[in-house]
Amino acid sequence: LFSQPHLKLLGNTPMVLCGHSFGGKVALMYLKHCIASGRPLPQHTWILDSIPGTYNKSLDAMQKHDSSVTYVLESVRRLYAMPTDVFRCKDSVVQALLSRDISMGMVQWIATNLVPVEDGHEKAKRVRFSFDINTIVDLFDDFCGLDMW
């Protein structure tokens, strides 16, 4: 992940390194690489909402629906399984996710990733997600399996 060309792009050692969620594991990987290569460490490192060890997806699946990353990702993936990844409108996505027993707050947060789709010469109300769900699932799988202890 941190090859010499990548480290050169970073320039000087950061004073503070902060990582949130998956970024927390990236920050830990950076520290591990610094130690292994003799590179100076940041003065402070903050890891927020992340775990250094592996993540048990089977325990995650037993949580309340919108507390389960696995369940929420599968719910969004089901939307992608429809004939097209373009949806009629934002409300159709919201209603589909609500029907999967995901809370309104979580659904509204997910819906912030919807972007309008240009339809010919006029902007329509049709929307699509700004991310590729398969990439998100792959990143989550990497996060779950990466042990930084």
Protein backbone atom coordinates (compact mmCIF):
# COMPACT_ATOMS: atom_id res chain seq x y z
CA LEU A 1 0.00 0.00 0.00
CA PHE A 2 2.81 2.44 0.84
CA SER A 3 5.50 2.11 -1.81
CA GLN A 4 8.41 4.54 -1.99
CA PRO A 5 6.75 6.62 -4.76
CA HIS A 6 3.62 6.93 -2.62
CA LEU A 7 5.64 8.01 0.43
CA LYS A 8 7.47 10.63 -1.66
CA LEU A 9 4.11 12.10 -2.61
CA LEU A 10 3.36 12.54 1.10
CA GLY A 11 6.48 14.65 1.56
CA ASN A 12 7.29 15.45 5.19
CA THR A 13 5.99 13.37 8.04
CA PRO A 14 2.55 14.61 9.11
CA MET A 15 2.32 16.06 12.63
CA VAL A 16 -1.09 14.47 13.11
CA LEU A 17 -2.43 11.36 11.43
CA CYS A 18 -6.17 10.80 11.69
CA GLY A 19 -8.16 7.90 10.27
CA HIS A 20 -11.88 7.21 10.44
CA SER A 21 -13.38 3.75 9.91
CA PHE A 22 -11.50 2.12 7.02
CA GLY A 23 -9.13 5.11 7.12
CA GLY A 24 -8.24 4.05 10.66
CA LYS A 25 -6.76 0.84 9.33
CA VAL A 26 -4.99 2.78 6.59
CA ALA A 27 -3.47 5.03 9.29
CA LEU A 28 -2.33 1.95 11.23
CA MET A 29 -0.80 0.51 8.05
CA TYR A 30 1.05 3.79 7.53
CA LEU A 31 2.45 3.64 11.07
CA LYS A 32 3.49 0.01 10.58
CA HIS A 33 5.29 0.95 7.36
CA CYS A 34 7.02 3.91 9.06
CA ILE A 35 8.31 1.67 11.82
CA ALA A 36 9.49 -1.01 9.36
CA SER A 37 11.24 1.51 7.10
CA GLY A 38 12.70 3.76 9.82
CA ARG A 39 10.58 6.69 8.68
CA PRO A 40 9.70 9.26 11.42
CA LEU A 41 6.32 8.78 13.08
CA PRO A 42 3.66 11.50 13.35
CA GLN A 43 3.52 13.23 16.75
CA HIS A 44 -0.11 12.17 17.22
CA THR A 45 -2.30 9.50 15.67
CA TRP A 46 -6.06 9.36 16.12
CA ILE A 47 -8.13 6.39 15.06
CA LEU A 48 -11.89 7.03 15.10
CA ASP A 49 -14.66 4.42 14.79
CA SER A 50 -12.25 1.72 13.71
CA ILE A 51 -10.93 -1.52 15.12
CA PRO A 52 -7.33 -2.66 14.76
CA GLY A 53 -8.22 -6.35 14.61
CA THR A 54 -10.40 -8.41 12.33
CA TYR A 55 -14.16 -7.89 12.20
CA ASN A 56 -16.53 -10.83 12.57
CA LYS A 57 -19.14 -10.46 9.83
CA SER A 58 -21.27 -13.30 11.19
CA LEU A 59 -21.71 -11.39 14.49
CA ASP A 60 -22.38 -8.23 12.48
CA ALA A 61 -25.20 -9.99 10.62
CA MET A 62 -26.96 -10.76 13.93
CA GLN A 63 -27.25 -7.07 14.87
CA LYS A 64 -30.27 -4.84 14.38
CA HIS A 65 -30.67 -4.25 10.63
CA ASP A 66 -29.33 -0.72 10.37
CA SER A 67 -26.53 -1.51 12.84
CA SER A 68 -25.31 -4.29 10.56
CA VAL A 69 -22.97 -3.11 7.83
CA THR A 70 -23.42 -6.48 6.12
CA TYR A 71 -27.23 -6.12 6.04
CA VAL A 72 -27.15 -2.52 4.80
CA LEU A 73 -24.63 -3.34 2.05
CA GLU A 74 -26.72 -6.33 0.95
CA SER A 75 -29.83 -4.13 0.87
CA VAL A 76 -28.10 -1.61 -1.38
CA ARG A 77 -26.70 -4.46 -3.50
CA ARG A 78 -30.27 -5.71 -4.02
CA LEU A 79 -31.13 -2.33 -5.49
CA TYR A 80 -28.25 -2.75 -7.92
CA ALA A 81 -29.65 -6.18 -8.89
CA MET A 82 -32.62 -4.45 -10.49
CA PRO A 83 -32.58 -4.22 -14.31
CA THR A 84 -30.79 -0.87 -14.19
CA ASP A 85 -28.69 1.05 -11.70
CA VAL A 86 -30.70 4.18 -12.52
CA PHE A 87 -33.73 4.72 -10.32
CA ARG A 88 -36.98 6.55 -11.08
CA CYS A 89 -36.41 9.07 -8.30
CA LYS A 90 -34.79 9.49 -4.89
CA ASP A 91 -38.04 8.58 -3.15
CA SER A 92 -38.14 5.16 -4.87
CA VAL A 93 -34.70 4.36 -3.42
CA VAL A 94 -35.73 5.65 0.02
CA GLN A 95 -38.92 3.53 0.00
CA ALA A 96 -37.05 0.41 -1.16
CA LEU A 97 -34.53 0.73 1.69
CA LEU A 98 -37.22 1.52 4.27
CA SER A 99 -39.05 -1.65 3.19
CA ARG A 100 -35.91 -3.57 4.28
CA ASP A 101 -36.41 -2.28 7.87
CA ILE A 102 -33.55 0.18 7.70
CA SER A 103 -34.17 3.29 9.81
CA MET A 104 -35.08 6.59 8.20
CA GLY A 105 -31.88 8.19 9.51
CA MET A 106 -29.70 5.52 7.92
CA VAL A 107 -31.70 5.64 4.68
CA GLN A 108 -31.35 9.43 4.50
CA TRP A 109 -27.59 9.09 5.01
CA ILE A 110 -27.36 6.47 2.25
CA ALA A 111 -29.48 8.68 -0.03
CA THR A 112 -26.87 11.46 0.21
CA ASN A 113 -24.91 9.30 -2.23
CA LEU A 114 -27.55 9.61 -4.96
CA VAL A 115 -26.73 11.85 -7.89
CA PRO A 116 -29.03 13.11 -10.67
CA VAL A 117 -28.86 11.43 -14.07
CA GLU A 118 -28.81 13.56 -17.19
CA ASP A 119 -31.59 12.37 -19.48
CA GLY A 120 -31.15 13.76 -22.99
CA HIS A 121 -31.55 17.51 -23.16
CA GLU A 122 -33.35 17.96 -19.86
CA LYS A 123 -32.28 17.08 -16.33
CA ALA A 124 -34.67 14.41 -15.06
CA LYS A 125 -35.46 13.38 -11.52
CA ARG A 126 -33.86 10.00 -12.15
CA VAL A 127 -30.94 9.17 -9.87
CA ARG A 128 -28.11 6.69 -9.43
CA PHE A 129 -25.61 5.99 -6.67
CA SER A 130 -22.31 7.84 -6.88
CA PHE A 131 -20.42 4.69 -5.87
CA ASP A 132 -20.05 1.14 -7.15
CA ILE A 133 -21.52 -1.23 -4.56
CA ASN A 134 -19.20 -4.10 -5.51
CA THR A 135 -16.17 -1.91 -4.78
CA ILE A 136 -17.67 -0.91 -1.42
CA VAL A 137 -18.28 -4.58 -0.54
CA ASP A 138 -14.68 -5.46 -1.53
CA LEU A 139 -13.34 -2.63 0.66
CA PHE A 140 -15.49 -3.81 3.57
CA ASP A 141 -14.25 -7.38 3.13
CA ASP A 142 -10.65 -6.09 3.20
CA PHE A 143 -11.43 -4.05 6.31
CA CYS A 144 -12.90 -7.11 8.05
CA GLY A 145 -9.96 -9.34 7.29
CA LEU A 146 -7.11 -6.93 8.01
CA ASP A 147 -5.51 -7.47 11.39
CA MET A 148 -3.30 -4.56 12.50
CA TRP A 149 -2.58 -5.78 16.03
